[in-house]
């Protein structure tokens, strides 16, 4: 066979192989995966309603009507809040004992005081040492603080200078 004939034979064999490969069937497609049964998604748990905000938590809560008044005498000083004829809150200094008391007119104890710094229930009698940090939290609260007494509406009172003066009087 000549060189030219060999090349022709080789090309013929290569063509036949290519033709045979082209005629070979395509591989069978893989079977479709069997769907896996999944449980239905649970509905989200109901969101509990937010807690009722106290009047202090709501910055737009109206202030209790009234104003602060300051008075002093030989036993100490006092700041009272409310209408002229009916004060509802008093902050008093017992200078001899260096104690400050908070009282709500007609309310039983315990009183709960809420400031922008937090909330605290006052000890029986509403008496605090003049150095108690709660007094600073009360007088430096942002614009207001709240006093709550059992069975009564919360008092939302402004942070005017009068109660701060009572605290300072008691600290000497």
Protein backbone atom coordinates (compact mmCIF):
# COMPACT_ATOMS: atom_id res chain seq x y z
CA UNK A 1 0.00 0.00 0.00
CA UNK A 2 1.26 3.37 -0.84
CA UNK A 3 1.51 6.26 1.60
CA UNK A 4 -1.47 7.78 0.04
CA UNK A 5 -3.49 4.58 0.36
CA UNK A 6 -2.53 4.20 3.97
CA UNK A 7 -3.70 7.65 4.73
CA UNK A 8 -7.01 6.99 3.01
CA UNK A 9 -7.44 3.71 4.92
CA UNK A 10 -6.60 5.45 8.15
CA UNK A 11 -9.08 8.24 7.45
CA UNK A 12 -11.73 5.69 6.53
CA UNK A 13 -11.13 3.79 9.78
CA UNK A 14 -11.23 7.02 11.79
CA UNK A 15 -14.44 8.07 10.10
CA UNK A 16 -15.99 4.66 10.74
CA UNK A 17 -14.99 4.89 14.41
CA UNK A 18 -16.46 8.38 14.66
CA UNK A 19 -19.62 7.22 12.95
CA UNK A 20 -19.86 4.23 15.28
CA UNK A 21 -19.39 6.48 18.30
CA UNK A 22 -22.06 8.83 17.03
CA UNK A 23 -24.47 5.95 16.56
CA UNK A 24 -23.95 4.67 20.05
CA UNK A 25 -26.93 5.57 22.14
CA UNK A 26 -26.79 8.37 24.58
CA UNK A 27 -26.61 7.23 28.17
CA UNK A 28 -30.01 6.82 29.73
CA UNK A 29 -31.01 9.77 31.88
CA UNK A 30 -30.71 9.23 35.60
CA UNK A 31 -34.02 8.47 37.23
CA UNK A 32 -35.72 11.48 38.80
CA UNK A 33 -35.13 11.60 42.53
CA UNK A 34 -38.01 10.41 44.62
CA UNK A 35 -39.45 13.38 46.49
CA UNK A 36 -38.90 13.16 50.22
CA UNK A 37 -42.01 13.83 52.23
CA UNK A 38 -41.32 16.67 54.63
CA UNK A 39 -43.67 17.71 57.37
CA UNK A 40 -45.54 20.91 56.77
CA UNK A 41 -43.75 23.86 58.34
CA UNK A 42 -45.11 24.85 61.71
CA UNK A 43 -46.81 28.19 61.83
CA UNK A 44 -44.78 30.72 63.82
CA UNK A 45 -45.59 30.91 67.49
CA UNK A 46 -47.86 33.81 68.28
CA UNK A 47 -45.98 36.84 69.48
CA UNK A 48 -47.04 37.79 72.99
CA UNK A 49 -48.39 41.31 73.29
CA UNK A 50 -45.91 43.83 74.65
CA UNK A 51 -46.24 44.56 78.36
CA UNK A 52 -48.42 47.46 79.28
CA UNK A 53 -46.12 50.45 79.47
CA UNK A 54 -46.11 52.29 82.75
CA UNK A 55 -46.74 55.98 82.49
CA UNK A 56 -43.00 56.59 82.92
CA UNK A 57 -42.21 54.34 79.93
CA UNK A 58 -44.34 56.51 77.70
CA UNK A 59 -42.48 59.80 77.23
CA UNK A 60 -45.68 61.50 76.16
CA UNK A 61 -47.63 60.43 79.25
CA UNK A 62 -49.27 63.47 80.76
CA UNK A 63 -47.88 64.83 83.98
CA UNK A 64 -50.06 64.64 87.06
CA UNK A 65 -51.59 68.10 87.53
CA UNK A 66 -49.86 70.23 90.11
CA UNK A 67 -46.60 71.84 91.04
CA UNK A 68 -43.85 71.49 93.62
CA UNK A 69 -43.65 73.63 96.78
CA UNK A 70 -40.75 73.81 99.21
CA UNK A 71 -40.85 74.56 102.94
CA UNK A 72 -38.40 74.17 105.80
CA UNK A 73 -38.59 74.18 109.56
CA UNK A 74 -36.43 73.21 112.54
CA UNK A 75 -36.85 69.45 111.96
CA UNK A 76 -35.95 69.50 108.29
CA UNK A 77 -37.51 70.43 104.98
CA UNK A 78 -40.22 69.18 102.68
CA UNK A 79 -41.27 69.40 99.06
CA UNK A 80 -44.91 68.68 98.27
CA UNK A 81 -46.40 68.11 94.85
CA UNK A 82 -49.97 68.55 93.69
CA UNK A 83 -52.62 71.18 93.43
CA UNK A 84 -52.44 73.99 95.99
CA UNK A 85 -55.42 72.69 97.94
CA UNK A 86 -54.58 68.98 97.60
CA UNK A 87 -50.92 67.87 97.56
CA UNK A 88 -50.55 64.22 96.51
CA UNK A 89 -46.84 63.54 97.05
CA UNK A 90 -44.38 64.63 99.70
CA UNK A 91 -40.61 64.33 99.97
CA UNK A 92 -39.50 65.09 103.54
CA UNK A 93 -36.12 65.34 105.25
CA UNK A 94 -35.71 64.31 108.86
CA UNK A 95 -32.50 66.24 109.48
CA UNK A 96 -31.79 64.60 112.86
CA UNK A 97 -31.91 61.08 111.39
CA UNK A 98 -30.55 62.08 107.96
CA UNK A 99 -33.42 60.29 106.26
CA UNK A 100 -35.70 61.23 103.39
CA UNK A 101 -39.25 59.90 103.26
CA UNK A 102 -41.59 59.75 100.30
CA UNK A 103 -45.33 59.50 100.85
CA UNK A 104 -48.40 59.55 98.63
CA UNK A 105 -51.50 61.05 100.22
CA UNK A 106 -53.99 58.31 101.08
CA UNK A 107 -51.79 55.49 99.82
CA UNK A 108 -50.57 52.44 101.64
CA UNK A 109 -47.06 51.08 101.29
CA UNK A 110 -45.13 49.87 99.43
CA UNK A 111 -44.46 52.67 97.00
CA UNK A 112 -42.65 51.98 93.76
CA UNK A 113 -40.51 54.69 92.25
CA UNK A 114 -39.56 54.63 88.57
CA UNK A 115 -36.97 56.91 87.04
CA UNK A 116 -35.16 56.92 83.73
CA UNK A 117 -32.52 54.82 85.53
CA UNK A 118 -34.83 52.03 86.63
CA UNK A 119 -37.55 50.97 89.02
CA UNK A 120 -37.39 50.24 92.74
CA UNK A 121 -39.81 49.49 95.53
CA UNK A 122 -39.23 51.65 98.58
CA UNK A 123 -38.75 50.07 101.98
CA UNK A 124 -41.63 50.09 104.47
CA UNK A 125 -42.46 53.62 105.52
CA UNK A 126 -40.87 55.06 102.38
CA UNK A 127 -37.74 56.01 104.37
CA UNK A 128 -34.38 56.22 102.63
CA UNK A 129 -30.97 57.22 103.93
CA UNK A 130 -30.08 60.66 102.62
CA UNK A 131 -27.17 59.03 100.77
CA UNK A 132 -29.35 56.46 98.96
CA UNK A 133 -28.57 56.57 95.19
CA UNK A 134 -32.30 56.28 94.43
CA UNK A 135 -32.70 59.89 95.54
CA UNK A 136 -30.13 61.00 92.95
CA UNK A 137 -31.89 58.90 90.31
CA UNK A 138 -35.16 60.63 91.24
CA UNK A 139 -33.89 64.21 91.09
CA UNK A 140 -31.79 63.62 87.94
CA UNK A 141 -34.40 61.59 86.06
CA UNK A 142 -35.03 63.00 82.58
CA UNK A 143 -37.83 65.46 83.16
CA UNK A 144 -40.07 63.20 85.25
CA UNK A 145 -40.36 60.25 87.55
CA UNK A 146 -43.27 58.04 88.52
CA UNK A 147 -44.54 57.02 91.93
CA UNK A 148 -46.92 54.07 92.06
CA UNK A 149 -48.96 53.03 95.10
CA UNK A 150 -51.18 49.95 95.43
CA UNK A 151 -54.71 50.62 94.20
CA UNK A 152 -53.96 54.14 92.96
CA UNK A 153 -53.19 55.69 89.61
CA UNK A 154 -49.48 56.31 89.03
CA UNK A 155 -48.27 59.83 89.70
CA UNK A 156 -46.07 61.26 86.94
CA UNK A 157 -44.27 64.23 88.43
CA UNK A 158 -41.72 66.65 87.00
CA UNK A 159 -38.15 66.79 88.29
CA UNK A 160 -38.16 70.33 89.58
CA UNK A 161 -35.53 71.71 92.01
CA UNK A 162 -37.69 71.43 95.15
CA UNK A 163 -37.19 67.69 95.82
CA UNK A 164 -33.48 68.02 94.99
CA UNK A 165 -33.22 70.79 97.56
CA UNK A 166 -34.80 68.55 100.22
CA UNK A 167 -32.27 65.80 99.46
CA UNK A 168 -29.38 68.28 99.69
CA UNK A 169 -30.75 69.71 102.97
CA UNK A 170 -30.75 66.21 104.42
CA UNK A 171 -27.21 65.48 103.29
CA UNK A 172 -25.99 68.65 105.03
